[in-house]
Amino acid sequence: MSGYYYYAGQADRYEAHYLDACSLCRKPLRDSDIFMYRGNTPFCSKECRQEQMEMDEAREKNWKSGRSLGKSDAQNSTPNKAVRTGTVAVA
């Protein structure tokens, strides 16, 4: 076995350590600098790390814009609907 492996909790089952390869391009990280992001995500270069950061920012921006559209739609549609409040008894 090359690289670093850790015991995966089952007999005869070992898995590669998460620091063995770049999280983006999967390039081996043997004897090279490791560029970390968000605590435990390894990258082989500043460029790979930056690309992941940009993808995360775009995903977060899309997620936030989707949520803000959903909130505005809900706020705009609520006044047009009749809403009853009170107690409901079910037999």
PDB file of N, CA and C in Angstrom:
ATOM      1  N   MET A   1       0.852  -1.197   0.000  1.00  0.00           N
ATOM      2  CA  MET A   1       0.000   0.000   0.000  1.00  0.00           C
ATOM      3  C   MET A   1       0.884   1.242   0.000  1.00  0.00           C
ATOM      4  N   SER A   2       0.632   2.145  -0.917  1.00  0.00           N
ATOM      5  CA  SER A   2       1.382   3.385  -0.928  1.00  0.00           C
ATOM      6  C   SER A   2       0.542   4.482  -0.300  1.00  0.00           C
ATOM      7  N   GLY A   3       1.184   5.528   0.170  1.00  0.00           N
ATOM      8  CA  GLY A   3       0.452   6.612   0.815  1.00  0.00           C
ATOM      9  C   GLY A   3       0.100   6.252   2.242  1.00  0.00           C
ATOM     10  N   TYR A   4      -0.785   7.006   2.829  1.00  0.00           N
ATOM     11  CA  TYR A   4      -1.204   6.772   4.197  1.00  0.00           C
ATOM     12  C   TYR A   4      -2.597   6.168   4.207  1.00  0.00           C
ATOM     13  N   TYR A   5      -2.779   5.165   5.045  1.00  0.00           N
ATOM     14  CA  TYR A   5      -4.068   4.501   5.156  1.00  0.00           C
ATOM     15  C   TYR A   5      -4.463   4.447   6.619  1.00  0.00           C
ATOM     16  N   TYR A   6      -5.737   4.423   6.878  1.00  0.00           N
ATOM     17  CA  TYR A   6      -6.217   4.317   8.245  1.00  0.00           C
ATOM     18  C   TYR A   6      -7.202   3.169   8.347  1.00  0.00           C
ATOM     19  N   TYR A   7      -7.330   2.652   9.538  1.00  0.00           N
ATOM     20  CA  TYR A   7      -8.229   1.542   9.797  1.00  0.00           C
ATOM     21  C   TYR A   7      -9.660   2.038   9.703  1.00  0.00           C
ATOM     22  N   ALA A   8     -10.492   1.407   8.895  1.00  0.00           N
ATOM     23  CA  ALA A   8     -11.859   1.861   8.637  1.00  0.00           C
ATOM     24  C   ALA A   8     -12.887   1.206   9.548  1.00  0.00           C
ATOM     25  N   GLY A   9     -12.450   0.491  10.583  1.00  0.00           N
ATOM     26  CA  GLY A   9     -13.392  -0.063  11.546  1.00  0.00           C
ATOM     27  C   GLY A   9     -13.827  -1.483  11.263  1.00  0.00           C
ATOM     28  N   GLN A  10     -13.390  -2.056  10.180  1.00  0.00           N
ATOM     29  CA  GLN A  10     -13.741  -3.431   9.846  1.00  0.00           C
ATOM     30  C   GLN A  10     -12.454  -4.201   9.564  1.00  0.00           C
ATOM     31  N   ALA A  11     -12.474  -5.487   9.877  1.00  0.00           N
ATOM     32  CA  ALA A  11     -11.298  -6.318   9.650  1.00  0.00           C
ATOM     33  C   ALA A  11     -10.876  -6.252   8.186  1.00  0.00           C
ATOM     34  N   ASP A  12      -9.603  -6.102   7.946  1.00  0.00           N
ATOM     35  CA  ASP A  12      -9.023  -6.069   6.600  1.00  0.00           C
ATOM     36  C   ASP A  12      -9.572  -4.953   5.717  1.00  0.00           C
ATOM     37  N   ARG A  13     -10.067  -3.900   6.312  1.00  0.00           N
ATOM     38  CA  ARG A  13     -10.575  -2.781   5.504  1.00  0.00           C
ATOM     39  C   ARG A  13      -9.824  -1.513   5.885  1.00  0.00           C
ATOM     40  N   TYR A  14      -9.041  -1.033   4.969  1.00  0.00           N
ATOM     41  CA  TYR A  14      -8.286   0.188   5.166  1.00  0.00           C
ATOM     42  C   TYR A  14      -8.636   1.142   4.028  1.00  0.00           C
ATOM     43  N   GLU A  15      -8.742   2.414   4.333  1.00  0.00           N
ATOM     44  CA  GLU A  15      -9.085   3.409   3.321  1.00  0.00           C
ATOM     45  C   GLU A  15      -7.984   4.461   3.263  1.00  0.00           C
ATOM     46  N   ALA A  16      -7.874   5.122   2.121  1.00  0.00           N
ATOM     47  CA  ALA A  16      -6.864   6.169   1.952  1.00  0.00           C
ATOM     48  C   ALA A  16      -7.149   7.323   2.904  1.00  0.00           C
ATOM     49  N   HIS A  17      -6.116   7.913   3.404  1.00  0.00           N
ATOM     50  CA  HIS A  17      -6.244   9.067   4.283  1.00  0.00           C
ATOM     51  C   HIS A  17      -6.689  10.274   3.463  1.00  0.00           C
ATOM     52  N   TYR A  18      -7.480  11.159   4.048  1.00  0.00           N
ATOM     53  CA  TYR A  18      -8.021  12.285   3.281  1.00  0.00           C
ATOM     54  C   TYR A  18      -6.954  13.257   2.796  1.00  0.00           C
ATOM     55  N   LEU A  19      -5.768  13.234   3.371  1.00  0.00           N
ATOM     56  CA  LEU A  19      -4.701  14.127   2.931  1.00  0.00           C
ATOM     57  C   LEU A  19      -3.838  13.512   1.826  1.00  0.00           C
ATOM     58  N   ASP A  20      -4.239  12.387   1.258  1.00  0.00           N
ATOM     59  CA  ASP A  20      -3.458  11.743   0.211  1.00  0.00           C
ATOM     60  C   ASP A  20      -3.602  12.415  -1.145  1.00  0.00           C
ATOM     61  N   ALA A  21      -4.735  13.084  -1.410  1.00  0.00           N
ATOM     62  CA  ALA A  21      -4.967  13.650  -2.742  1.00  0.00           C
ATOM     63  C   ALA A  21      -5.700  14.983  -2.644  1.00  0.00           C
ATOM     64  N   CYS A  22      -5.493  15.804  -3.659  1.00  0.00           N
ATOM     65  CA  CYS A  22      -6.176  17.091  -3.772  1.00  0.00           C
ATOM     66  C   CYS A  22      -7.683  16.847  -3.881  1.00  0.00           C
ATOM     67  N   SER A  23      -8.450  17.622  -3.167  1.00  0.00           N
ATOM     68  CA  SER A  23      -9.906  17.451  -3.174  1.00  0.00           C
ATOM     69  C   SER A  23     -10.547  17.836  -4.499  1.00  0.00           C
ATOM     70  N   LEU A  24      -9.845  18.628  -5.310  1.00  0.00           N
ATOM     71  CA  LEU A  24     -10.430  19.072  -6.574  1.00  0.00           C
ATOM     72  C   LEU A  24      -9.942  18.225  -7.755  1.00  0.00           C
ATOM     73  N   CYS A  25      -8.630  18.136  -7.942  1.00  0.00           N
ATOM     74  CA  CYS A  25      -8.099  17.446  -9.123  1.00  0.00           C
ATOM     75  C   CYS A  25      -7.613  16.032  -8.826  1.00  0.00           C
ATOM     76  N   ARG A  26      -7.636  15.625  -7.569  1.00  0.00           N
ATOM     77  CA  ARG A  26      -7.247  14.283  -7.118  1.00  0.00           C
ATOM     78  C   ARG A  26      -5.757  13.990  -7.291  1.00  0.00           C
ATOM     79  N   LYS A  27      -4.932  15.013  -7.537  1.00  0.00           N
ATOM     80  CA  LYS A  27      -3.484  14.839  -7.657  1.00  0.00           C
ATOM     81  C   LYS A  27      -2.922  14.390  -6.303  1.00  0.00           C
ATOM     82  N   PRO A  28      -2.010  13.403  -6.293  1.00  0.00           N
ATOM     83  CA  PRO A  28      -1.420  12.961  -5.031  1.00  0.00           C
ATOM     84  C   PRO A  28      -0.680  14.098  -4.338  1.00  0.00           C
ATOM     85  N   LEU A  29      -0.731  14.125  -3.026  1.00  0.00           N
ATOM     86  CA  LEU A  29      -0.115  15.205  -2.253  1.00  0.00           C
ATOM     87  C   LEU A  29       1.198  14.768  -1.583  1.00  0.00           C
ATOM     88  N   ARG A  30       1.849  13.756  -2.088  1.00  0.00           N
ATOM     89  CA  ARG A  30       3.095  13.255  -1.504  1.00  0.00           C
ATOM     90  C   ARG A  30       4.186  14.315  -1.548  1.00  0.00           C
ATOM     91  N   ASP A  31       4.839  14.520  -0.447  1.00  0.00           N
ATOM     92  CA  ASP A  31       6.016  15.396  -0.355  1.00  0.00           C
ATOM     93  C   ASP A  31       5.825  16.755  -1.018  1.00  0.00           C
ATOM     94  N   SER A  32       4.651  17.344  -0.869  1.00  0.00           N
ATOM     95  CA  SER A  32       4.407  18.668  -1.441  1.00  0.00           C
ATOM     96  C   SER A  32       3.632  19.511  -0.432  1.00  0.00           C
ATOM     97  N   ASP A  33       3.571  20.784  -0.706  1.00  0.00           N
ATOM     98  CA  ASP A  33       2.789  21.668   0.158  1.00  0.00           C
ATOM     99  C   ASP A  33       1.316  21.316   0.031  1.00  0.00           C
ATOM    100  N   ILE A  34       0.600  21.478   1.127  1.00  0.00           N
ATOM    101  CA  ILE A  34      -0.837  21.225   1.132  1.00  0.00           C
ATOM    102  C   ILE A  34      -1.528  22.532   1.479  1.00  0.00           C
ATOM    103  N   PHE A  35      -2.465  22.944   0.661  1.00  0.00           N
ATOM    104  CA  PHE A  35      -3.219  24.173   0.867  1.00  0.00           C
ATOM    105  C   PHE A  35      -4.597  23.785   1.384  1.00  0.00           C
ATOM    106  N   MET A  36      -4.882  24.157   2.631  1.00  0.00           N
ATOM    107  CA  MET A  36      -6.122  23.743   3.281  1.00  0.00           C
ATOM    108  C   MET A  36      -7.199  24.812   3.108  1.00  0.00           C
ATOM    109  N   TYR A  37      -8.450  24.352   3.121  1.00  0.00           N
ATOM    110  CA  TYR A  37      -9.612  25.236   3.004  1.00  0.00           C
ATOM    111  C   TYR A  37     -10.722  24.684   3.873  1.00  0.00           C
ATOM    112  N   ARG A  38     -11.384  25.566   4.588  1.00  0.00           N
ATOM    113  CA  ARG A  38     -12.491  25.207   5.482  1.00  0.00           C
ATOM    114  C   ARG A  38     -12.105  24.109   6.467  1.00  0.00           C
ATOM    115  N   GLY A  39     -10.923  24.221   7.002  1.00  0.00           N
ATOM    116  CA  GLY A  39     -10.506  23.343   8.079  1.00  0.00           C
ATOM    117  C   GLY A  39      -9.877  22.036   7.672  1.00  0.00           C
ATOM    118  N   ASN A  40     -10.547  21.224   6.857  1.00  0.00           N
ATOM    119  CA  ASN A  40     -10.011  19.894   6.580  1.00  0.00           C
ATOM    120  C   ASN A  40     -10.114  19.473   5.116  1.00  0.00           C
ATOM    121  N   THR A  41     -10.095  20.424   4.208  1.00  0.00           N
ATOM    122  CA  THR A  41     -10.164  20.094   2.788  1.00  0.00           C
ATOM    123  C   THR A  41      -8.818  20.439   2.146  1.00  0.00           C
ATOM    124  N   PRO A  42      -8.052  19.411   1.705  1.00  0.00           N
ATOM    125  CA  PRO A  42      -6.712  19.651   1.158  1.00  0.00           C
ATOM    126  C   PRO A  42      -6.708  19.910  -0.344  1.00  0.00           C
ATOM    127  N   PHE A  43      -5.788  20.774  -0.774  1.00  0.00           N
ATOM    128  CA  PHE A  43      -5.607  21.085  -2.189  1.00  0.00           C
ATOM    129  C   PHE A  43      -4.126  21.077  -2.517  1.00  0.00           C
ATOM    130  N   CYS A  44      -3.798  20.774  -3.772  1.00  0.00           N
ATOM    131  CA  CYS A  44      -2.402  20.673  -4.189  1.00  0.00           C
ATOM    132  C   CYS A  44      -1.792  22.037  -4.507  1.00  0.00           C
ATOM    133  N   SER A  45      -2.625  23.033  -4.780  1.00  0.00           N
ATOM    134  CA  SER A  45      -2.108  24.344  -5.169  1.00  0.00           C
ATOM    135  C   SER A  45      -3.073  25.447  -4.745  1.00  0.00           C
ATOM    136  N   LYS A  46      -2.554  26.660  -4.777  1.00  0.00           N
ATOM    137  CA  LYS A  46      -3.413  27.819  -4.489  1.00  0.00           C
ATOM    138  C   LYS A  46      -4.516  27.926  -5.540  1.00  0.00           C
ATOM    139  N   GLU A  47      -4.196  27.543  -6.770  1.00  0.00           N
ATOM    140  CA  GLU A  47      -5.172  27.636  -7.852  1.00  0.00           C
ATOM    141  C   GLU A  47      -6.349  26.680  -7.641  1.00  0.00           C
ATOM    142  N   CYS A  48      -6.060  25.444  -7.250  1.00  0.00           N
ATOM    143  CA  CYS A  48      -7.149  24.491  -6.983  1.00  0.00           C
ATOM    144  C   CYS A  48      -8.002  24.969  -5.813  1.00  0.00           C
ATOM    145  N   ARG A  49      -7.335  25.444  -4.765  1.00  0.00           N
ATOM    146  CA  ARG A  49      -8.084  25.953  -3.612  1.00  0.00           C
ATOM    147  C   ARG A  49      -8.946  27.141  -4.011  1.00  0.00           C
ATOM    148  N   GLN A  50      -8.408  28.067  -4.793  1.00  0.00           N
ATOM    149  CA  GLN A  50      -9.159  29.246  -5.228  1.00  0.00           C
ATOM    150  C   GLN A  50     -10.353  28.843  -6.090  1.00  0.00           C
ATOM    151  N   GLU A  51     -10.169  27.854  -6.959  1.00  0.00           N
ATOM    152  CA  GLU A  51     -11.274  27.392  -7.797  1.00  0.00           C
ATOM    153  C   GLU A  51     -12.409  26.834  -6.930  1.00  0.00           C
ATOM    154  N   GLN A  52     -12.056  26.054  -5.896  1.00  0.00           N
ATOM    155  CA  GLN A  52     -13.077  25.521  -4.999  1.00  0.00           C
ATOM    156  C   GLN A  52     -13.777  26.637  -4.245  1.00  0.00           C
ATOM    157  N   MET A  53     -13.015  27.646  -3.801  1.00  0.00           N
ATOM    158  CA  MET A  53     -13.610  28.780  -3.088  1.00  0.00           C
ATOM    159  C   MET A  53     -14.602  29.514  -3.990  1.00  0.00           C
ATOM    160  N   GLU A  54     -14.245  29.699  -5.260  1.00  0.00           N
ATOM    161  CA  GLU A  54     -15.141  30.385  -6.195  1.00  0.00           C
ATOM    162  C   GLU A  54     -16.402  29.557  -6.460  1.00  0.00           C
ATOM    163  N   MET A  55     -16.251  28.242  -6.564  1.00  0.00           N
ATOM    164  CA  MET A  55     -17.425  27.386  -6.758  1.00  0.00           C
ATOM    165  C   MET A  55     -18.343  27.446  -5.540  1.00  0.00           C
ATOM    166  N   ASP A  56     -17.750  27.451  -4.340  1.00  0.00           N
ATOM    167  CA  ASP A  56     -18.553  27.537  -3.121  1.00  0.00           C
ATOM    168  C   ASP A  56     -19.279  28.869  -3.027  1.00  0.00           C
ATOM    169  N   GLU A  57     -18.591  29.961  -3.398  1.00  0.00           N
ATOM    170  CA  GLU A  57     -19.222  31.282  -3.368  1.00  0.00           C
ATOM    171  C   GLU A  57     -20.383  31.352  -4.357  1.00  0.00           C
ATOM    172  N   ALA A  58     -20.196  30.804  -5.555  1.00  0.00           N
ATOM    173  CA  ALA A  58     -21.266  30.814  -6.561  1.00  0.00           C
ATOM    174  C   ALA A  58     -22.453  29.988  -6.086  1.00  0.00           C
ATOM    175  N   ARG A  59     -22.173  28.814  -5.501  1.00  0.00           N
ATOM    176  CA  ARG A  59     -23.248  27.958  -4.992  1.00  0.00           C
ATOM    177  C   ARG A  59     -24.006  28.662  -3.862  1.00  0.00           C
ATOM    178  N   GLU A  60     -23.267  29.313  -2.971  1.00  0.00           N
ATOM    179  CA  GLU A  60     -23.900  30.031  -1.862  1.00  0.00           C
ATOM    180  C   GLU A  60     -24.727  31.212  -2.377  1.00  0.00           C
ATOM    181  N   LYS A  61     -24.199  31.914  -3.374  1.00  0.00           N
ATOM    182  CA  LYS A  61     -24.919  33.049  -3.948  1.00  0.00           C
ATOM    183  C   LYS A  61     -26.220  32.575  -4.602  1.00  0.00           C
ATOM    184  N   ASN A  62     -26.160  31.478  -5.365  1.00  0.00           N
ATOM    185  CA  ASN A  62     -27.358  30.922  -5.990  1.00  0.00           C
ATOM    186  C   ASN A  62     -28.359  30.461  -4.948  1.00  0.00           C
ATOM    187  N   TRP A  63     -27.874  29.850  -3.892  1.00  0.00           N
ATOM    188  CA  TRP A  63     -28.744  29.366  -2.821  1.00  0.00           C
ATOM    189  C   TRP A  63     -29.443  30.543  -2.137  1.00  0.00           C
ATOM    190  N   LYS A  64     -28.664  31.589  -1.833  1.00  0.00           N
ATOM    191  CA  LYS A  64     -29.251  32.768  -1.182  1.00  0.00           C
ATOM    192  C   LYS A  64     -30.241  33.472  -2.092  1.00  0.00           C
ATOM    193  N   SER A  65     -29.922  33.591  -3.381  1.00  0.00           N
ATOM    194  CA  SER A  65     -30.847  34.291  -4.287  1.00  0.00           C
ATOM    195  C   SER A  65     -32.117  33.470  -4.459  1.00  0.00           C
ATOM    196  N   GLY A  66     -32.023  32.169  -4.458  1.00  0.00           N
ATOM    197  CA  GLY A  66     -33.202  31.311  -4.534  1.00  0.00           C
ATOM    198  C   GLY A  66     -34.071  31.451  -3.309  1.00  0.00           C
ATOM    199  N   ARG A  67     -33.443  31.544  -2.161  1.00  0.00           N
ATOM    200  CA  ARG A  67     -34.199  31.705  -0.912  1.00  0.00           C
ATOM    201  C   ARG A  67     -34.857  33.070  -0.848  1.00  0.00           C
ATOM    202  N   SER A  68     -34.153  34.125  -1.293  1.00  0.00           N
ATOM    203  CA  SER A  68     -34.743  35.456  -1.225  1.00  0.00           C
ATOM    204  C   SER A  68     -35.927  35.571  -2.190  1.00  0.00           C
ATOM    205  N   LEU A  69     -35.843  34.911  -3.346  1.00  0.00           N
ATOM    206  CA  LEU A  69     -36.976  34.916  -4.269  1.00  0.00           C
ATOM    207  C   LEU A  69     -38.164  34.191  -3.658  1.00  0.00           C
ATOM    208  N   GLY A  70     -37.897  33.084  -3.009  1.00  0.00           N
ATOM    209  CA  GLY A  70     -38.966  32.330  -2.362  1.00  0.00           C
ATOM    210  C   GLY A  70     -39.641  33.129  -1.267  1.00  0.00           C
ATOM    211  N   LYS A  71     -38.856  33.874  -0.495  1.00  0.00           N
ATOM    212  CA  LYS A  71     -39.428  34.689   0.582  1.00  0.00           C
ATOM    213  C   LYS A  71     -40.285  35.812   0.007  1.00  0.00           C
ATOM    214  N   SER A  72     -39.807  36.463  -1.049  1.00  0.00           N
ATOM    215  CA  SER A  72     -40.581  37.573  -1.602  1.00  0.00           C
ATOM    216  C   SER A  72     -41.865  37.064  -2.240  1.00  0.00           C
ATOM    217  N   ASP A  73     -41.821  35.893  -2.869  1.00  0.00           N
ATOM    218  CA  ASP A  73     -43.029  35.311  -3.444  1.00  0.00           C
ATOM    219  C   ASP A  73     -44.039  34.995  -2.356  1.00  0.00           C
ATOM    220  N   ALA A  74     -43.564  34.445  -1.258  1.00  0.00           N
ATOM    221  CA  ALA A  74     -44.462  34.095  -0.156  1.00  0.00           C
ATOM    222  C   ALA A  74     -45.066  35.361   0.465  1.00  0.00           C
ATOM    223  N   GLN A  75     -44.254  36.408   0.601  1.00  0.00           N
ATOM    224  CA  GLN A  75     -44.755  37.647   1.181  1.00  0.00           C
ATOM    225  C   GLN A  75     -45.772  38.309   0.259  1.00  0.00           C
ATOM    226  N   ASN A  76     -45.518  38.263  -1.040  1.00  0.00           N
ATOM    227  CA  ASN A  76     -46.421  38.892  -1.996  1.00  0.00           C
ATOM    228  C   ASN A  76     -47.726  38.129  -2.147  1.00  0.00           C
ATOM    229  N   SER A  77     -47.704  36.829  -1.974  1.00  0.00           N
ATOM    230  CA  SER A  77     -48.903  36.046  -2.201  1.00  0.00           C
ATOM    231  C   SER A  77     -49.783  35.939  -0.961  1.00  0.00           C
ATOM    232  N   THR A  78     -49.265  36.183   0.227  1.00  0.00           N
ATOM    233  CA  THR A  78     -50.045  36.039   1.454  1.00  0.00           C
ATOM    234  C   THR A  78     -51.233  37.000   1.534  1.00  0.00           C
ATOM    235  N   PRO A  79     -51.131  38.279   1.175  1.00  0.00           N
ATOM    236  CA  PRO A  79     -52.277  39.176   1.286  1.00  0.00           C
ATOM    237  C   PRO A  79     -53.458  38.768   0.403  1.00  0.00           C
ATOM    238  N   ASN A  80     -53.249  38.036  -0.649  1.00  0.00           N
ATOM    239  CA  ASN A  80     -54.316  37.635  -1.554  1.00  0.00           C
ATOM    240  C   ASN A  80     -55.084  36.411  -1.070  1.00  0.00           C
ATOM    241  N   LYS A  81     -54.619  35.778  -0.019  1.00  0.00           N
ATOM    242  CA  LYS A  81     -55.252  34.563   0.466  1.00  0.00           C
ATOM    243  C   LYS A  81     -56.011  34.850   1.754  1.00  0.00           C
ATOM    244  N   ALA A  82     -57.155  34.201   1.894  1.00  0.00           N
ATOM    245  CA  ALA A  82     -57.921  34.307   3.135  1.00  0.00           C
ATOM    246  C   ALA A  82     -57.321  33.337   4.143  1.00  0.00           C
ATOM    247  N   VAL A  83     -57.066  33.848   5.329  1.00  0.00           N
ATOM    248  CA  VAL A  83     -56.479  33.022   6.377  1.00  0.00           C
ATOM    249  C   VAL A  83     -57.426  33.022   7.562  1.00  0.00           C
ATOM    250  N   ARG A  84     -57.825  31.832   7.986  1.00  0.00           N
ATOM    251  CA  ARG A  84     -58.704  31.706   9.155  1.00  0.00           C
ATOM    252  C   ARG A  84     -57.877  31.306  10.350  1.00  0.00           C
ATOM    253  N   THR A  85     -58.205  31.902  11.476  1.00  0.00           N
ATOM    254  CA  THR A  85     -57.543  31.521  12.709  1.00  0.00           C
ATOM    255  C   THR A  85     -58.609  31.092  13.706  1.00  0.00           C
ATOM    256  N   GLY A  86     -58.226  30.306  14.652  1.00  0.00           N
ATOM    257  CA  GLY A  86     -59.173  29.868  15.664  1.00  0.00           C
ATOM    258  C   GLY A  86     -58.929  28.416  16.025  1.00  0.00           C
ATOM    259  N   THR A  87     -59.884  27.828  16.667  1.00  0.00           N
ATOM    260  CA  THR A  87     -59.789  26.457  17.129  1.00  0.00           C
ATOM    261  C   THR A  87     -60.560  25.528  16.207  1.00  0.00           C
ATOM    262  N   VAL A  88     -59.961  24.405  15.901  1.00  0.00           N
ATOM    263  CA  VAL A  88     -60.610  23.404  15.073  1.00  0.00           C
ATOM    264  C   VAL A  88     -60.811  22.159  15.915  1.00  0.00           C
ATOM    265  N   ALA A  89     -62.045  21.656  15.931  1.00  0.00           N
ATOM    266  CA  ALA A  89     -62.345  20.430  16.668  1.00  0.00           C
ATOM    267  C   ALA A  89     -62.535  19.304  15.674  1.00  0.00           C
ATOM    268  N   VAL A  90     -61.847  18.211  15.892  1.00  0.00           N
ATOM    269  CA  VAL A  90     -61.934  17.047  15.024  1.00  0.00           C
ATOM    270  C   VAL A  90     -62.490  15.891  15.826  1.00  0.00           C
ATOM    271  N   ALA A  91     -63.539  15.238  15.275  1.00  0.00           N
ATOM    272  CA  ALA A  91     -64.149  14.121  15.999  1.00  0.00           C
ATOM    273  C   ALA A  91     -63.690  12.821  15.425  1.00  0.00           C
TER     274      ALA A  91
END
